[in-house]
């Protein structure tokens, strides 16, 4: 079954929560921001497209970037993002948005059918109707992609800030938007946080081919 786009709606609490086409809320997607709910509800597809990574998903599922910063205080190299997610009440399957198999289906479907299959005009119209109800302006698919990438980028910066405290192998120049891994510079925007089914977690260099990015730094070995 092909994954479909979940649409953020205004929740009775005043926050945003993702909803499926069937009209049911997606568990664990309540967020103070629209983009947080969108990422949480569509983690599999967005990861398959390379628009977000484990860092962005944790920030979205954990209530926002500030919440992620607090969670990272527990020591990233000791438990990894998966362990941190569990410590704040997120089950691994929920944290990943979909199972690893589901991520693969999403990625394969996007490649085979094209992003247009998911990102249709009718779906964008539905998204904008709900944004207007929540007091937000209308947005384009390009605008959504930009918001998602920026959210993940900020999440990656928080990950690198924590790693830089824990190991001398990594240093961050936030002004230049550059991270040094074993002394080699990389643009933060070119990196991603990858979580494997085996429990392995690492910083990777993004690839245009889903799940084929180069491993740059091992955060947590296989269980």
N, C-alpha and C. Protein backbone atom coordinates (compact mmCIF):
# COMPACT_ATOMS: atom_id res chain seq x y z
N UNK A 1 0.85 -1.20 0.00
CA UNK A 1 0.00 0.00 0.00
C UNK A 1 0.89 1.24 0.00
N UNK A 2 0.62 2.14 -0.90
CA UNK A 2 1.45 3.33 -1.02
C UNK A 2 1.14 4.35 0.08
N UNK A 3 2.17 4.96 0.66
CA UNK A 3 1.94 5.96 1.70
C UNK A 3 1.36 7.23 1.10
N UNK A 4 0.51 7.89 1.86
CA UNK A 4 -0.12 9.13 1.42
C UNK A 4 0.26 10.27 2.34
N UNK A 5 0.13 11.48 1.85
CA UNK A 5 0.46 12.66 2.63
C UNK A 5 -0.56 12.86 3.75
N UNK A 6 -0.04 13.04 4.99
CA UNK A 6 -0.89 13.38 6.13
C UNK A 6 -0.94 14.90 6.22
N UNK A 7 -2.12 15.44 6.52
CA UNK A 7 -2.33 16.88 6.53
C UNK A 7 -2.43 17.41 7.96
N UNK A 8 -1.64 18.43 8.33
CA UNK A 8 -1.74 19.01 9.66
C UNK A 8 -3.06 19.78 9.84
N UNK A 9 -3.71 19.54 10.99
CA UNK A 9 -4.94 20.22 11.35
C UNK A 9 -4.74 20.91 12.69
N UNK A 10 -5.56 21.93 12.95
CA UNK A 10 -5.53 22.57 14.27
C UNK A 10 -6.22 21.64 15.26
N UNK A 11 -5.51 21.32 16.35
CA UNK A 11 -6.04 20.46 17.41
C UNK A 11 -6.81 21.31 18.41
N UNK A 12 -7.66 20.67 19.20
CA UNK A 12 -8.45 21.40 20.19
C UNK A 12 -7.58 22.12 21.21
N UNK A 13 -6.33 21.65 21.36
CA UNK A 13 -5.39 22.28 22.29
C UNK A 13 -4.79 23.57 21.74
N UNK A 14 -5.00 23.80 20.44
CA UNK A 14 -4.42 24.97 19.79
C UNK A 14 -3.14 24.65 19.05
N UNK A 15 -2.63 23.44 19.23
CA UNK A 15 -1.43 23.00 18.51
C UNK A 15 -1.84 22.36 17.19
N UNK A 16 -0.86 21.90 16.43
CA UNK A 16 -1.11 21.23 15.16
C UNK A 16 -0.95 19.72 15.32
N UNK A 17 -1.74 18.94 14.58
CA UNK A 17 -1.62 17.50 14.60
C UNK A 17 -1.92 16.96 13.20
N UNK A 18 -1.16 15.95 12.77
CA UNK A 18 -1.34 15.39 11.43
C UNK A 18 -2.56 14.48 11.38
N UNK A 19 -3.24 14.50 10.23
CA UNK A 19 -4.43 13.67 10.04
C UNK A 19 -4.32 12.92 8.71
N UNK A 20 -4.81 11.69 8.71
CA UNK A 20 -4.79 10.89 7.49
C UNK A 20 -5.99 11.20 6.62
N UNK A 21 -6.00 10.63 5.42
CA UNK A 21 -7.12 10.84 4.50
C UNK A 21 -8.42 10.32 5.09
N UNK A 22 -8.34 9.32 5.96
CA UNK A 22 -9.53 8.74 6.58
C UNK A 22 -10.08 9.64 7.69
N UNK A 23 -9.35 10.69 8.02
CA UNK A 23 -9.83 11.64 9.02
C UNK A 23 -9.36 11.35 10.43
N UNK A 24 -8.48 10.38 10.62
CA UNK A 24 -7.99 10.07 11.95
C UNK A 24 -6.67 10.74 12.25
N UNK A 25 -6.48 11.17 13.47
CA UNK A 25 -5.21 11.77 13.87
C UNK A 25 -4.11 10.72 13.86
N UNK A 26 -2.90 11.15 13.51
CA UNK A 26 -1.74 10.26 13.54
C UNK A 26 -1.08 10.40 14.91
N UNK A 27 -1.02 9.30 15.65
CA UNK A 27 -0.48 9.33 17.01
C UNK A 27 0.93 9.88 17.05
N UNK A 28 1.21 10.71 18.04
CA UNK A 28 2.56 11.21 18.25
C UNK A 28 2.94 12.38 17.36
N UNK A 29 1.98 13.01 16.68
CA UNK A 29 2.32 14.08 15.75
C UNK A 29 1.91 15.47 16.25
N UNK A 30 1.45 15.57 17.49
CA UNK A 30 1.05 16.87 18.03
C UNK A 30 2.28 17.76 18.14
N UNK A 31 2.19 18.96 17.60
CA UNK A 31 3.33 19.87 17.58
C UNK A 31 2.86 21.31 17.71
N UNK A 32 3.71 22.15 18.27
CA UNK A 32 3.39 23.57 18.39
C UNK A 32 3.49 24.29 17.05
N UNK A 33 4.15 23.67 16.08
CA UNK A 33 4.32 24.29 14.77
C UNK A 33 3.70 23.45 13.67
N UNK A 34 3.29 24.11 12.61
CA UNK A 34 2.71 23.41 11.45
C UNK A 34 3.73 22.47 10.83
N UNK A 35 4.95 22.95 10.64
CA UNK A 35 5.96 22.14 9.97
C UNK A 35 6.34 20.93 10.82
N UNK A 36 6.32 21.08 12.15
CA UNK A 36 6.61 19.96 13.02
C UNK A 36 5.59 18.85 12.85
N UNK A 37 4.31 19.20 12.79
CA UNK A 37 3.25 18.21 12.60
C UNK A 37 3.35 17.59 11.21
N UNK A 38 3.71 18.38 10.21
CA UNK A 38 3.83 17.87 8.85
C UNK A 38 4.95 16.84 8.76
N UNK A 39 6.10 17.14 9.36
CA UNK A 39 7.22 16.21 9.33
C UNK A 39 6.89 14.95 10.11
N UNK A 40 6.31 15.11 11.29
CA UNK A 40 5.97 13.95 12.12
C UNK A 40 4.99 13.03 11.41
N UNK A 41 4.04 13.61 10.71
CA UNK A 41 3.02 12.81 10.05
C UNK A 41 3.47 12.18 8.74
N UNK A 42 4.55 12.70 8.18
CA UNK A 42 5.01 12.23 6.86
C UNK A 42 6.48 11.84 6.87
N UNK A 43 6.95 11.34 8.02
CA UNK A 43 8.37 11.05 8.19
C UNK A 43 8.91 10.09 7.14
N UNK A 44 8.15 9.05 6.83
CA UNK A 44 8.63 8.05 5.87
C UNK A 44 8.84 8.63 4.49
N UNK A 45 7.85 9.36 3.99
CA UNK A 45 7.94 9.94 2.65
C UNK A 45 9.05 10.98 2.60
N UNK A 46 9.10 11.85 3.60
CA UNK A 46 10.08 12.93 3.60
C UNK A 46 11.50 12.40 3.72
N UNK A 47 11.67 11.33 4.49
CA UNK A 47 12.98 10.71 4.57
C UNK A 47 13.34 10.03 3.26
N UNK A 48 12.35 9.37 2.64
CA UNK A 48 12.57 8.74 1.35
C UNK A 48 13.00 9.74 0.29
N UNK A 49 12.48 10.94 0.39
CA UNK A 49 12.84 11.99 -0.57
C UNK A 49 14.15 12.69 -0.20
N UNK A 50 14.67 12.37 0.99
CA UNK A 50 15.91 13.01 1.42
C UNK A 50 15.71 14.41 1.95
N UNK A 51 14.48 14.75 2.34
CA UNK A 51 14.19 16.11 2.81
C UNK A 51 14.39 16.25 4.31
N UNK A 52 14.35 15.14 5.03
CA UNK A 52 14.59 15.18 6.47
C UNK A 52 15.29 13.90 6.89
N UNK A 53 15.80 13.90 8.12
CA UNK A 53 16.54 12.75 8.63
C UNK A 53 16.06 12.45 10.05
N UNK A 54 16.76 11.53 10.72
CA UNK A 54 16.38 11.18 12.08
C UNK A 54 16.38 12.37 13.01
N UNK A 55 17.26 13.32 12.77
CA UNK A 55 17.33 14.51 13.63
C UNK A 55 16.06 15.34 13.51
N UNK A 56 15.63 15.58 12.27
CA UNK A 56 14.41 16.36 12.05
C UNK A 56 13.17 15.65 12.58
N UNK A 57 13.14 14.33 12.44
CA UNK A 57 11.99 13.56 12.91
C UNK A 57 11.90 13.63 14.43
N UNK A 58 13.04 13.48 15.13
CA UNK A 58 13.00 13.56 16.58
C UNK A 58 12.54 14.94 17.03
N UNK A 59 13.05 15.99 16.39
CA UNK A 59 12.64 17.34 16.77
C UNK A 59 11.14 17.53 16.56
N UNK A 60 10.63 16.97 15.46
CA UNK A 60 9.20 17.10 15.16
C UNK A 60 8.35 16.30 16.15
N UNK A 61 8.74 15.05 16.39
CA UNK A 61 7.98 14.18 17.27
C UNK A 61 8.12 14.60 18.73
N UNK A 62 9.21 15.27 19.05
CA UNK A 62 9.45 15.67 20.44
C UNK A 62 8.86 17.01 20.79
N UNK A 63 8.11 17.61 19.87
CA UNK A 63 7.43 18.86 20.18
C UNK A 63 8.11 20.10 19.65
N UNK A 64 9.29 19.96 19.07
CA UNK A 64 9.95 21.14 18.51
C UNK A 64 11.44 21.12 18.74
N UNK A 65 12.14 22.08 18.19
CA UNK A 65 13.59 22.14 18.28
C UNK A 65 14.07 22.41 19.70
N UNK A 66 13.31 23.22 20.46
CA UNK A 66 13.72 23.50 21.83
C UNK A 66 13.61 22.24 22.68
N UNK A 67 12.58 21.45 22.45
CA UNK A 67 12.43 20.19 23.17
C UNK A 67 13.53 19.22 22.84
N UNK A 68 13.96 19.25 21.59
CA UNK A 68 15.05 18.37 21.17
C UNK A 68 16.34 18.75 21.88
N UNK A 69 16.58 20.05 22.00
CA UNK A 69 17.79 20.51 22.68
C UNK A 69 17.86 20.02 24.11
N UNK A 70 16.71 20.02 24.79
CA UNK A 70 16.66 19.54 26.17
C UNK A 70 16.92 18.04 26.23
N UNK A 71 16.36 17.31 25.28
CA UNK A 71 16.51 15.85 25.26
C UNK A 71 17.96 15.45 25.01
N UNK A 72 18.66 16.20 24.18
CA UNK A 72 20.04 15.86 23.83
C UNK A 72 20.99 15.98 25.01
N UNK A 73 20.56 16.62 26.07
CA UNK A 73 21.41 16.76 27.25
C UNK A 73 21.75 15.43 27.89
N UNK A 74 21.05 14.37 27.52
CA UNK A 74 21.28 13.06 28.14
C UNK A 74 22.53 12.37 27.61
N UNK A 75 23.13 12.90 26.57
CA UNK A 75 24.35 12.30 26.04
C UNK A 75 24.09 11.50 24.78
N UNK A 76 24.34 12.11 23.65
CA UNK A 76 23.99 11.49 22.36
C UNK A 76 24.82 10.26 22.05
N UNK A 77 26.13 10.30 22.30
CA UNK A 77 26.98 9.16 21.95
C UNK A 77 26.71 7.95 22.84
N UNK A 78 26.08 8.17 23.98
CA UNK A 78 25.80 7.06 24.90
C UNK A 78 24.60 6.23 24.46
N UNK A 79 23.56 6.90 23.99
CA UNK A 79 22.31 6.18 23.68
C UNK A 79 21.82 6.39 22.26
N UNK A 80 22.31 7.40 21.55
CA UNK A 80 21.83 7.68 20.19
C UNK A 80 20.48 8.36 20.22
N UNK A 81 20.04 8.83 19.07
CA UNK A 81 18.73 9.49 18.99
C UNK A 81 17.59 8.53 19.30
N UNK A 82 17.75 7.25 18.92
CA UNK A 82 16.71 6.28 19.21
C UNK A 82 16.47 6.14 20.69
N UNK A 83 17.56 6.09 21.47
CA UNK A 83 17.45 6.00 22.92
C UNK A 83 16.86 7.26 23.52
N UNK A 84 17.25 8.40 23.00
CA UNK A 84 16.70 9.67 23.49
C UNK A 84 15.21 9.74 23.20
N UNK A 85 14.82 9.28 22.01
CA UNK A 85 13.41 9.27 21.65
C UNK A 85 12.60 8.44 22.64
N UNK A 86 13.12 7.27 22.99
CA UNK A 86 12.44 6.41 23.95
C UNK A 86 12.38 7.07 25.32
N UNK A 87 13.41 7.80 25.69
CA UNK A 87 13.45 8.44 27.01
C UNK A 87 12.41 9.53 27.16
N UNK A 88 11.97 10.11 26.03
CA UNK A 88 10.93 11.14 26.09
C UNK A 88 9.57 10.57 25.70
N UNK A 89 9.48 9.24 25.71
CA UNK A 89 8.18 8.59 25.52
C UNK A 89 7.81 8.23 24.11
N UNK A 90 8.78 8.22 23.20
CA UNK A 90 8.48 7.86 21.82
C UNK A 90 8.96 6.44 21.53
N UNK A 91 8.06 5.58 21.13
CA UNK A 91 8.43 4.22 20.76
C UNK A 91 9.25 4.27 19.47
N UNK A 92 10.19 3.35 19.28
CA UNK A 92 11.03 3.38 18.07
C UNK A 92 10.23 3.48 16.78
N UNK A 93 9.16 2.68 16.63
CA UNK A 93 8.38 2.71 15.39
C UNK A 93 7.73 4.08 15.19
N UNK A 94 7.27 4.67 16.29
CA UNK A 94 6.65 6.00 16.21
C UNK A 94 7.70 7.05 15.87
N UNK A 95 8.85 6.92 16.48
CA UNK A 95 9.92 7.88 16.25
C UNK A 95 10.34 7.88 14.80
N UNK A 96 10.41 6.70 14.21
CA UNK A 96 10.83 6.59 12.81
C UNK A 96 9.72 7.00 11.85
N UNK A 97 8.51 7.18 12.36
CA UNK A 97 7.41 7.56 11.49
C UNK A 97 6.81 6.35 10.80
N UNK A 98 7.65 5.54 10.22
CA UNK A 98 7.28 4.26 9.62
C UNK A 98 8.34 3.25 10.01
N UNK A 99 8.08 1.99 9.84
CA UNK A 99 9.13 1.00 10.03
C UNK A 99 10.19 1.22 8.95
N UNK A 100 11.35 0.65 9.14
CA UNK A 100 12.40 0.78 8.12
C UNK A 100 11.90 0.24 6.79
N UNK A 101 11.13 -0.86 6.84
CA UNK A 101 10.56 -1.40 5.60
C UNK A 101 9.64 -0.38 4.96
N UNK A 102 8.88 0.32 5.78
CA UNK A 102 7.98 1.35 5.27
C UNK A 102 8.74 2.49 4.62
N UNK A 103 9.90 2.84 5.20
CA UNK A 103 10.72 3.88 4.59
C UNK A 103 11.15 3.46 3.19
N UNK A 104 11.53 2.19 3.07
CA UNK A 104 11.99 1.69 1.78
C UNK A 104 10.88 1.74 0.75
N UNK A 105 9.66 1.38 1.16
CA UNK A 105 8.50 1.44 0.27
C UNK A 105 8.26 2.86 -0.18
N UNK A 106 8.34 3.78 0.77
CA UNK A 106 8.12 5.19 0.44
C UNK A 106 9.15 5.67 -0.56
N UNK A 107 10.42 5.34 -0.30
CA UNK A 107 11.49 5.79 -1.18
C UNK A 107 11.34 5.20 -2.57
N UNK A 108 11.07 3.90 -2.63
CA UNK A 108 10.91 3.23 -3.92
C UNK A 108 9.73 3.79 -4.69
N UNK A 109 8.64 4.05 -3.99
CA UNK A 109 7.44 4.59 -4.63
C UNK A 109 7.70 5.97 -5.20
N UNK A 110 8.43 6.79 -4.44
CA UNK A 110 8.74 8.15 -4.91
C UNK A 110 9.57 8.09 -6.18
N UNK A 111 10.56 7.19 -6.19
CA UNK A 111 11.43 7.07 -7.36
C UNK A 111 10.64 6.56 -8.57
N UNK A 112 9.77 5.57 -8.33
CA UNK A 112 9.05 4.95 -9.44
C UNK A 112 7.93 5.82 -9.99
N UNK A 113 7.22 6.50 -9.12
CA UNK A 113 6.04 7.26 -9.55
C UNK A 113 6.27 8.76 -9.64
N UNK A 114 7.32 9.23 -8.98
CA UNK A 114 7.58 10.66 -8.99
C UNK A 114 6.89 11.34 -7.83
N UNK A 115 7.50 12.40 -7.32
CA UNK A 115 6.95 13.11 -6.18
C UNK A 115 5.56 13.68 -6.47
N UNK A 116 5.28 13.93 -7.75
CA UNK A 116 3.97 14.49 -8.12
C UNK A 116 2.82 13.59 -7.74
N UNK A 117 3.08 12.28 -7.64
CA UNK A 117 2.03 11.34 -7.24
C UNK A 117 1.52 11.69 -5.85
N UNK A 118 2.45 12.09 -4.98
CA UNK A 118 2.08 12.42 -3.61
C UNK A 118 1.72 13.89 -3.47
N UNK A 119 2.52 14.74 -4.10
CA UNK A 119 2.37 16.17 -3.94
C UNK A 119 1.47 16.75 -5.03
N UNK A 120 0.21 16.44 -4.95
CA UNK A 120 -0.75 16.87 -5.98
C UNK A 120 -1.35 18.23 -5.65
N UNK A 121 -1.98 18.84 -6.66
CA UNK A 121 -2.64 20.13 -6.45
C UNK A 121 -3.79 20.00 -5.48
N UNK A 122 -4.54 18.91 -5.57
CA UNK A 122 -5.69 18.73 -4.68
C UNK A 122 -5.23 18.60 -3.23
N UNK A 123 -4.11 17.91 -3.01
CA UNK A 123 -3.59 17.77 -1.64
C UNK A 123 -3.09 19.11 -1.12
N UNK A 124 -2.44 19.88 -1.98
CA UNK A 124 -1.98 21.20 -1.57
C UNK A 124 -3.16 22.10 -1.22
N UNK A 125 -4.25 21.99 -1.97
CA UNK A 125 -5.44 22.77 -1.67
C UNK A 125 -5.98 22.42 -0.29
N UNK A 126 -6.01 21.13 0.01
CA UNK A 126 -6.47 20.67 1.32
C UNK A 126 -5.56 21.19 2.44
N UNK A 127 -4.25 21.14 2.19
CA UNK A 127 -3.29 21.63 3.17
C UNK A 127 -3.52 23.12 3.45
N UNK A 128 -3.71 23.90 2.39
CA UNK A 128 -3.88 25.34 2.55
C UNK A 128 -5.21 25.70 3.21
N UNK A 129 -6.23 24.90 2.97
CA UNK A 129 -7.50 25.13 3.65
C UNK A 129 -7.33 25.02 5.16
N UNK A 130 -6.56 24.02 5.57
CA UNK A 130 -6.33 23.82 7.01
C UNK A 130 -5.38 24.87 7.57
N UNK A 131 -4.41 25.30 6.77
CA UNK A 131 -3.51 26.37 7.23
C UNK A 131 -4.27 27.66 7.47
N UNK A 132 -5.20 27.99 6.59
CA UNK A 132 -6.01 29.19 6.75
C UNK A 132 -6.85 29.13 8.01
N UNK A 133 -7.38 27.94 8.31
CA UNK A 133 -8.17 27.76 9.53
C UNK A 133 -7.32 28.01 10.78
N UNK A 134 -6.03 27.72 10.65
CA UNK A 134 -5.12 27.90 11.77
C UNK A 134 -4.46 29.26 11.80
N UNK A 135 -4.87 30.15 10.92
CA UNK A 135 -4.34 31.50 10.91
C UNK A 135 -3.04 31.66 10.15
N UNK A 136 -2.68 30.67 9.35
CA UNK A 136 -1.47 30.75 8.55
C UNK A 136 -1.80 31.12 7.10
N UNK A 137 -0.82 31.61 6.39
CA UNK A 137 -1.03 31.96 4.98
C UNK A 137 -0.91 30.70 4.12
N UNK A 138 -1.37 30.80 2.89
CA UNK A 138 -1.23 29.68 1.96
C UNK A 138 0.24 29.47 1.61
N UNK A 139 0.55 28.26 1.20
CA UNK A 139 1.93 27.90 0.91
C UNK A 139 1.99 27.07 -0.36
N UNK A 140 3.13 27.05 -1.01
CA UNK A 140 3.34 26.22 -2.19
C UNK A 140 4.10 24.96 -1.78
N UNK A 141 4.17 23.96 -2.70
CA UNK A 141 4.97 22.78 -2.39
C UNK A 141 6.43 23.17 -2.21
N UNK A 142 6.88 24.13 -3.00
CA UNK A 142 8.26 24.60 -2.86
C UNK A 142 8.49 25.21 -1.49
N UNK A 143 7.50 25.95 -1.01
CA UNK A 143 7.61 26.53 0.32
C UNK A 143 7.64 25.48 1.41
N UNK A 144 6.86 24.41 1.24
CA UNK A 144 6.85 23.31 2.20
C UNK A 144 8.21 22.63 2.24
N UNK A 145 8.77 22.37 1.07
CA UNK A 145 10.08 21.74 0.99
C UNK A 145 11.13 22.60 1.71
N UNK A 146 11.06 23.90 1.50
CA UNK A 146 12.00 24.82 2.15
C UNK A 146 11.86 24.77 3.67
N UNK A 147 10.62 24.78 4.16
CA UNK A 147 10.39 24.72 5.61
C UNK A 147 10.90 23.43 6.21
N UNK A 148 10.64 22.32 5.52
CA UNK A 148 11.06 21.02 6.02
C UNK A 148 12.59 20.94 6.07
N UNK A 149 13.24 21.38 5.00
CA UNK A 149 14.71 21.34 4.96
C UNK A 149 15.31 22.23 6.04
N UNK A 150 14.74 23.41 6.26
CA UNK A 150 15.26 24.32 7.26
C UNK A 150 15.10 23.73 8.66
N UNK A 151 13.96 23.08 8.90
CA UNK A 151 13.70 22.46 10.20
C UNK A 151 14.74 21.36 10.46
N UNK A 152 14.98 20.52 9.47
CA UNK A 152 15.96 19.45 9.63
C UNK A 152 17.37 20.02 9.79
N UNK A 153 17.65 21.08 9.08
CA UNK A 153 18.96 21.73 9.17
C UNK A 153 19.22 22.22 10.59
N UNK A 154 18.22 22.88 11.18
CA UNK A 154 18.37 23.37 12.56
C UNK A 154 18.52 22.20 13.54
N UNK A 155 17.82 21.11 13.26
CA UNK A 155 17.94 19.93 14.11
C UNK A 155 19.35 19.33 14.01
N UNK A 156 19.91 19.30 12.81
CA UNK A 156 21.26 18.78 12.63
C UNK A 156 22.29 19.65 13.36
N UNK A 157 22.08 20.95 13.36
CA UNK A 157 22.98 21.84 14.08
C UNK A 157 22.98 21.50 15.57
N UNK A 158 21.78 21.23 16.12
CA UNK A 158 21.71 20.86 17.54
C UNK A 158 22.42 19.53 17.80
N UNK A 159 22.31 18.60 16.86
CA UNK A 159 23.01 17.32 16.99
C UNK A 159 24.53 17.56 17.00
N UNK A 160 25.01 18.38 16.09
CA UNK A 160 26.45 18.63 16.01
C UNK A 160 26.95 19.41 17.23
N UNK A 161 26.12 20.31 17.75
CA UNK A 161 26.50 21.04 18.96
C UNK A 161 26.72 20.06 20.11
N UNK A 162 25.82 19.07 20.22
CA UNK A 162 25.94 18.08 21.29
C UNK A 162 27.16 17.18 21.07
N UNK A 163 27.35 16.71 19.84
CA UNK A 163 28.49 15.84 19.55
C UNK A 163 29.81 16.57 19.79
N UNK A 164 29.85 17.86 19.48
CA UNK A 164 31.08 18.63 19.68
C UNK A 164 31.44 18.73 21.16
N UNK A 165 30.43 18.65 22.03
CA UNK A 165 30.68 18.67 23.48
C UNK A 165 31.22 17.32 23.96
N UNK A 166 30.84 16.27 23.24
CA UNK A 166 31.14 14.91 23.69
C UNK A 166 32.39 14.31 23.07
N UNK A 167 32.81 14.81 21.92
CA UNK A 167 33.97 14.22 21.25
C UNK A 167 34.77 15.30 20.51
N UNK A 168 36.09 15.12 20.50
CA UNK A 168 36.97 16.06 19.79
C UNK A 168 37.02 15.74 18.29
N UNK A 169 36.35 14.66 17.88
CA UNK A 169 36.34 14.29 16.46
C UNK A 169 35.46 15.22 15.64
N UNK A 170 34.59 15.96 16.33
CA UNK A 170 33.64 16.84 15.63
C UNK A 170 33.71 18.24 16.20
N UNK A 171 33.72 19.23 15.31
CA UNK A 171 33.63 20.64 15.72
C UNK A 171 32.70 21.35 14.74
N UNK A 172 32.06 22.38 15.23
CA UNK A 172 31.05 23.09 14.43
C UNK A 172 31.37 24.56 14.32
N UNK A 173 31.31 25.07 13.08
CA UNK A 173 31.38 26.51 12.85
C UNK A 173 30.00 26.92 12.35
N UNK A 174 29.13 27.31 13.28
CA UNK A 174 27.74 27.60 12.92
C UNK A 174 27.64 28.82 12.02
N UNK A 175 28.55 29.78 12.16
CA UNK A 175 28.50 30.97 11.32
C UNK A 175 28.76 30.62 9.86
N UNK A 176 29.66 29.67 9.64
CA UNK A 176 29.97 29.23 8.27
C UNK A 176 29.09 28.07 7.84
N UNK A 177 28.21 27.61 8.76
CA UNK A 177 27.33 26.48 8.48
C UNK A 177 28.14 25.26 8.06
N UNK A 178 29.25 25.06 8.79
CA UNK A 178 30.19 23.99 8.45
C UNK A 178 30.49 23.14 9.67
N UNK A 179 30.52 21.82 9.47
CA UNK A 179 30.91 20.90 10.52
C UNK A 179 32.20 20.21 10.10
N UNK A 180 33.13 20.05 11.04
CA UNK A 180 34.39 19.37 10.77
C UNK A 180 34.32 17.99 11.43
N UNK A 181 34.44 16.95 10.62
CA UNK A 181 34.41 15.58 11.11
C UNK A 181 35.77 14.95 10.81
N UNK A 182 36.49 14.63 11.86
CA UNK A 182 37.89 14.17 11.74
C UNK A 182 38.71 15.18 10.94
N UNK A 183 38.42 16.46 11.13
CA UNK A 183 39.17 17.53 10.50
C UNK A 183 38.75 17.88 9.09
N UNK A 184 37.81 17.11 8.52
CA UNK A 184 37.35 17.36 7.15
C UNK A 184 36.07 18.20 7.20
N UNK A 185 36.02 19.32 6.46
CA UNK A 185 34.84 20.18 6.51
C UNK A 185 33.70 19.68 5.61
N UNK A 186 32.49 19.79 6.12
CA UNK A 186 31.28 19.46 5.36
C UNK A 186 30.23 20.53 5.64
N UNK A 187 29.46 20.88 4.62
CA UNK A 187 28.32 21.77 4.83
C UNK A 187 27.27 21.03 5.64
N UNK A 188 26.73 21.67 6.66
CA UNK A 188 25.71 21.03 7.49
C UNK A 188 24.54 20.57 6.64
N UNK A 189 24.22 21.35 5.62
CA UNK A 189 23.08 21.01 4.75
C UNK A 189 23.31 19.73 3.95
N UNK A 190 24.56 19.29 3.87
CA UNK A 190 24.86 18.06 3.12
C UNK A 190 24.87 16.81 4.00
N UNK A 191 24.57 16.98 5.28
CA UNK A 191 24.65 15.86 6.21
C UNK A 191 23.25 15.42 6.66
N UNK A 192 23.18 14.21 7.19
CA UNK A 192 21.93 13.67 7.70
C UNK A 192 22.21 12.72 8.85
N UNK A 193 21.21 12.51 9.69
CA UNK A 193 21.33 11.56 10.79
C UNK A 193 20.55 10.31 10.42
N UNK A 194 21.25 9.19 10.33
CA UNK A 194 20.65 7.94 9.86
C UNK A 194 20.50 6.95 11.00
N UNK A 195 19.33 6.32 11.08
CA UNK A 195 19.07 5.26 12.06
C UNK A 195 18.71 4.00 11.30
N UNK A 196 19.47 2.94 11.52
CA UNK A 196 19.24 1.67 10.83
C UNK A 196 18.41 0.72 11.69
N UNK A 197 17.78 -0.24 11.04
CA UNK A 197 16.96 -1.23 11.73
C UNK A 197 17.79 -2.01 12.75
N UNK A 198 19.07 -2.19 12.49
CA UNK A 198 19.96 -2.93 13.37
C UNK A 198 20.26 -2.19 14.67
N UNK A 199 19.88 -0.92 14.73
CA UNK A 199 20.19 -0.09 15.89
C UNK A 199 21.37 0.83 15.66
N UNK A 200 22.06 0.63 14.55
CA UNK A 200 23.20 1.47 14.21
C UNK A 200 22.73 2.88 13.87
N UNK A 201 23.47 3.89 14.35
CA UNK A 201 23.14 5.29 14.06
C UNK A 201 24.41 6.02 13.65
N UNK A 202 24.31 6.82 12.62
CA UNK A 202 25.51 7.52 12.16
C UNK A 202 25.18 8.82 11.44
N UNK A 203 26.18 9.68 11.37
CA UNK A 203 26.10 10.89 10.56
C UNK A 203 26.49 10.50 9.14
N UNK A 204 25.65 10.83 8.18
CA UNK A 204 25.94 10.46 6.80
C UNK A 204 26.01 11.66 5.88
N UNK A 205 26.64 11.47 4.74
CA UNK A 205 26.66 12.47 3.69
C UNK A 205 25.51 12.14 2.75
N UNK A 206 24.63 13.09 2.51
CA UNK A 206 23.43 12.85 1.73
C UNK A 206 23.75 12.38 0.31
N UNK A 207 22.85 11.55 -0.20
CA UNK A 207 22.96 11.06 -1.57
C UNK A 207 21.62 11.27 -2.27
N UNK A 208 21.65 11.41 -3.57
CA UNK A 208 20.41 11.54 -4.33
C UNK A 208 19.67 10.21 -4.40
N UNK A 209 20.37 9.13 -4.10
CA UNK A 209 19.75 7.81 -4.07
C UNK A 209 19.35 7.51 -2.63
N UNK A 210 18.07 7.25 -2.35
CA UNK A 210 17.62 7.02 -0.98
C UNK A 210 18.42 5.93 -0.28
N UNK A 211 18.82 6.23 0.98
CA UNK A 211 19.51 5.28 1.85
C UNK A 211 20.87 4.84 1.31
N UNK A 212 21.48 5.64 0.46
CA UNK A 212 22.79 5.28 -0.09
C UNK A 212 23.86 6.32 0.28
N UNK A 213 23.58 7.15 1.27
CA UNK A 213 24.55 8.17 1.65
C UNK A 213 25.79 7.57 2.29
N UNK A 214 26.90 8.27 2.20
CA UNK A 214 28.18 7.82 2.76
C UNK A 214 28.19 8.02 4.27
N UNK A 215 28.69 7.03 4.99
CA UNK A 215 28.82 7.15 6.44
C UNK A 215 30.04 8.00 6.77
N UNK A 216 29.83 9.03 7.62
CA UNK A 216 30.91 9.93 7.99
C UNK A 216 31.36 9.72 9.44
N UNK A 217 30.40 9.45 10.32
CA UNK A 217 30.75 9.34 11.74
C UNK A 217 29.77 8.39 12.42
N UNK A 218 30.29 7.36 13.07
CA UNK A 218 29.47 6.40 13.78
C UNK A 218 29.10 6.96 15.15
N UNK A 219 27.80 7.12 15.38
CA UNK A 219 27.33 7.63 16.69
C UNK A 219 27.05 6.47 17.63
N UNK A 220 26.41 5.42 17.10
CA UNK A 220 26.02 4.28 17.92
C UNK A 220 26.13 3.01 17.09
N UNK A 221 26.89 2.01 17.53
CA UNK A 221 27.04 0.78 16.75
C UNK A 221 25.78 -0.09 16.79
N UNK A 222 25.77 -1.14 16.01
CA UNK A 222 24.64 -2.06 15.99
C UNK A 222 24.44 -2.70 17.36
N UNK A 223 23.19 -3.02 17.66
CA UNK A 223 22.88 -3.63 18.95
C UNK A 223 23.42 -5.06 19.01
